[in-house]
Amino acid sequence: MKRNPHTPNEKAKLVLEVLKGERTLNEIASEHSIHPNMLSRWKNEAIAGLASVFENDAAQKRKEKKEHETEIDELYAQIGKLTTQNEWLKKKSGL
């Protein structure tokens, strides 16, 4: 049996049809030549990922920006420390 790749839009359309409940999963699967188990798995994945639709991207971006700024501050502190050590070594070695 040949596998037919399905686009995310097709999957979403079929899952919405299943979630509406107007027809059974088996009816939808047979109409679109998809195994019912595959359609059921797509439905479960859609339900599991539904919360991500409502996540606030701005909050995530702020968190990432704050982490990035913290990392930059740590790196600048390390550069300052290494520069000081380098200058001290130059002074002590007589270069």
C-alpha atoms as a PDB file:
ATOM      1  CA  MET A   1       0.000   0.000   0.000  1.00  0.00           C
ATOM      2  CA  LYS A   2       1.408   3.372  -1.015  1.00  0.00           C
ATOM      3  CA  ARG A   3       1.680   6.114   1.584  1.00  0.00           C
ATOM      4  CA  ASN A   4       0.109   9.419   0.700  1.00  0.00           C
ATOM      5  CA  PRO A   5       1.658  12.439   2.382  1.00  0.00           C
ATOM      6  CA  HIS A   6      -0.887  14.804   3.850  1.00  0.00           C
ATOM      7  CA  THR A   7      -0.292  18.493   4.373  1.00  0.00           C
ATOM      8  CA  PRO A   8      -0.893  20.049   7.790  1.00  0.00           C
ATOM      9  CA  ASN A   9      -3.898  21.869   6.333  1.00  0.00           C
ATOM     10  CA  GLU A  10      -5.457  18.609   5.182  1.00  0.00           C
ATOM     11  CA  LYS A  11      -4.830  17.038   8.578  1.00  0.00           C
ATOM     12  CA  ALA A  12      -6.374  20.013  10.364  1.00  0.00           C
ATOM     13  CA  LYS A  13      -9.425  19.918   8.119  1.00  0.00           C
ATOM     14  CA  LEU A  14      -9.970  16.214   8.792  1.00  0.00           C
ATOM     15  CA  VAL A  15      -9.421  16.564  12.534  1.00  0.00           C
ATOM     16  CA  LEU A  16     -11.931  19.418  12.693  1.00  0.00           C
ATOM     17  CA  GLU A  17     -14.399  17.242  10.873  1.00  0.00           C
ATOM     18  CA  VAL A  18     -13.850  14.476  13.436  1.00  0.00           C
ATOM     19  CA  LEU A  19     -14.165  16.891  16.352  1.00  0.00           C
ATOM     20  CA  LYS A  20     -17.466  18.255  15.036  1.00  0.00           C
ATOM     21  CA  GLY A  21     -18.915  14.778  15.534  1.00  0.00           C
ATOM     22  CA  GLU A  22     -21.389  14.991  12.676  1.00  0.00           C
ATOM     23  CA  ARG A  23     -20.033  11.760  11.198  1.00  0.00           C
ATOM     24  CA  THR A  24     -18.104   8.899  12.731  1.00  0.00           C
ATOM     25  CA  LEU A  25     -14.355   8.650  12.562  1.00  0.00           C
ATOM     26  CA  ASN A  26     -14.642   5.525  10.403  1.00  0.00           C
ATOM     27  CA  GLU A  27     -16.876   7.282   7.865  1.00  0.00           C
ATOM     28  CA  ILE A  28     -14.442  10.175   7.521  1.00  0.00           C
ATOM     29  CA  ALA A  29     -11.463   7.836   7.304  1.00  0.00           C
ATOM     30  CA  SER A  30     -13.004   5.671   4.581  1.00  0.00           C
ATOM     31  CA  GLU A  31     -14.115   8.705   2.564  1.00  0.00           C
ATOM     32  CA  HIS A  32     -10.581  10.103   2.498  1.00  0.00           C
ATOM     33  CA  SER A  33      -8.794   6.721   2.233  1.00  0.00           C
ATOM     34  CA  ILE A  34      -7.051   7.109   5.568  1.00  0.00           C
ATOM     35  CA  HIS A  35      -6.735   4.415   8.186  1.00  0.00           C
ATOM     36  CA  PRO A  36      -8.945   5.212  11.194  1.00  0.00           C
ATOM     37  CA  ASN A  37      -5.989   4.743  13.557  1.00  0.00           C
ATOM     38  CA  MET A  38      -4.069   7.464  11.729  1.00  0.00           C
ATOM     39  CA  LEU A  39      -7.008   9.827  11.926  1.00  0.00           C
ATOM     40  CA  SER A  40      -7.383   9.026  15.616  1.00  0.00           C
ATOM     41  CA  ARG A  41      -3.687   9.732  16.202  1.00  0.00           C
ATOM     42  CA  TRP A  42      -3.943  13.091  14.404  1.00  0.00           C
ATOM     43  CA  LYS A  43      -6.936  13.938  16.580  1.00  0.00           C
ATOM     44  CA  ASN A  44      -5.026  13.100  19.770  1.00  0.00           C
ATOM     45  CA  GLU A  45      -2.013  15.158  18.635  1.00  0.00           C
ATOM     46  CA  ALA A  46      -4.280  18.106  17.852  1.00  0.00           C
ATOM     47  CA  ILE A  47      -5.952  17.940  21.242  1.00  0.00           C
ATOM     48  CA  ALA A  48      -2.596  17.626  23.029  1.00  0.00           C
ATOM     49  CA  GLY A  49      -1.186  20.635  21.154  1.00  0.00           C
ATOM     50  CA  LEU A  50      -4.260  22.796  21.522  1.00  0.00           C
ATOM     51  CA  ALA A  51      -2.899  24.639  24.577  1.00  0.00           C
ATOM     52  CA  SER A  52       0.043  25.943  22.547  1.00  0.00           C
ATOM     53  CA  VAL A  53      -2.378  27.906  20.367  1.00  0.00           C
ATOM     54  CA  PHE A  54      -3.267  30.096  23.337  1.00  0.00           C
ATOM     55  CA  GLU A  55       0.264  30.627  24.656  1.00  0.00           C
ATOM     56  CA  ASN A  56       1.435  34.189  24.826  1.00  0.00           C
ATOM     57  CA  ASP A  57       4.359  34.600  22.417  1.00  0.00           C
ATOM     58  CA  ALA A  58       5.227  38.001  23.860  1.00  0.00           C
ATOM     59  CA  ALA A  59       5.862  36.504  27.304  1.00  0.00           C
ATOM     60  CA  GLN A  60       8.086  33.826  25.786  1.00  0.00           C
ATOM     61  CA  LYS A  61      10.048  36.443  23.829  1.00  0.00           C
ATOM     62  CA  ARG A  62      10.508  38.583  26.955  1.00  0.00           C
ATOM     63  CA  LYS A  63      11.795  35.564  28.842  1.00  0.00           C
ATOM     64  CA  GLU A  64      14.252  34.716  26.070  1.00  0.00           C
ATOM     65  CA  LYS A  65      15.407  38.342  25.865  1.00  0.00           C
ATOM     66  CA  LYS A  66      15.994  38.468  29.619  1.00  0.00           C
ATOM     67  CA  GLU A  67      18.003  35.226  29.487  1.00  0.00           C
ATOM     68  CA  HIS A  68      20.027  36.607  26.573  1.00  0.00           C
ATOM     69  CA  GLU A  69      20.773  39.848  28.433  1.00  0.00           C
ATOM     70  CA  THR A  70      21.830  37.877  31.522  1.00  0.00           C
ATOM     71  CA  GLU A  71      24.181  35.778  29.405  1.00  0.00           C
ATOM     72  CA  ILE A  72      25.665  38.915  27.804  1.00  0.00           C
ATOM     73  CA  ASP A  73      26.235  40.477  31.229  1.00  0.00           C
ATOM     74  CA  GLU A  74      28.017  37.321  32.413  1.00  0.00           C
ATOM     75  CA  LEU A  75      30.202  37.313  29.305  1.00  0.00           C
ATOM     76  CA  TYR A  76      31.133  40.985  29.753  1.00  0.00           C
ATOM     77  CA  ALA A  77      32.058  40.267  33.387  1.00  0.00           C
ATOM     78  CA  GLN A  78      34.248  37.381  32.252  1.00  0.00           C
ATOM     79  CA  ILE A  79      35.904  39.586  29.592  1.00  0.00           C
ATOM     80  CA  GLY A  80      36.650  42.209  32.237  1.00  0.00           C
ATOM     81  CA  LYS A  81      38.153  39.624  34.564  1.00  0.00           C
ATOM     82  CA  LEU A  82      40.323  38.132  31.823  1.00  0.00           C
ATOM     83  CA  THR A  83      41.457  41.577  30.660  1.00  0.00           C
ATOM     84  CA  THR A  84      42.490  42.449  34.222  1.00  0.00           C
ATOM     85  CA  GLN A  85      44.374  39.156  34.600  1.00  0.00           C
ATOM     86  CA  ASN A  86      46.074  39.679  31.241  1.00  0.00           C
ATOM     87  CA  GLU A  87      47.212  43.190  32.192  1.00  0.00           C
ATOM     88  CA  TRP A  88      48.502  41.929  35.552  1.00  0.00           C
ATOM     89  CA  LEU A  89      50.475  39.141  33.842  1.00  0.00           C
ATOM     90  CA  LYS A  90      51.965  41.603  31.352  1.00  0.00           C
ATOM     91  CA  LYS A  91      53.012  43.886  34.213  1.00  0.00           C
ATOM     92  CA  LYS A  92      54.561  41.035  36.240  1.00  0.00           C
ATOM     93  CA  SER A  93      56.398  39.499  33.295  1.00  0.00           C
ATOM     94  CA  GLY A  94      57.916  42.812  32.279  1.00  0.00           C
ATOM     95  CA  LEU A  95      56.561  42.952  28.733  1.00  0.00           C
END
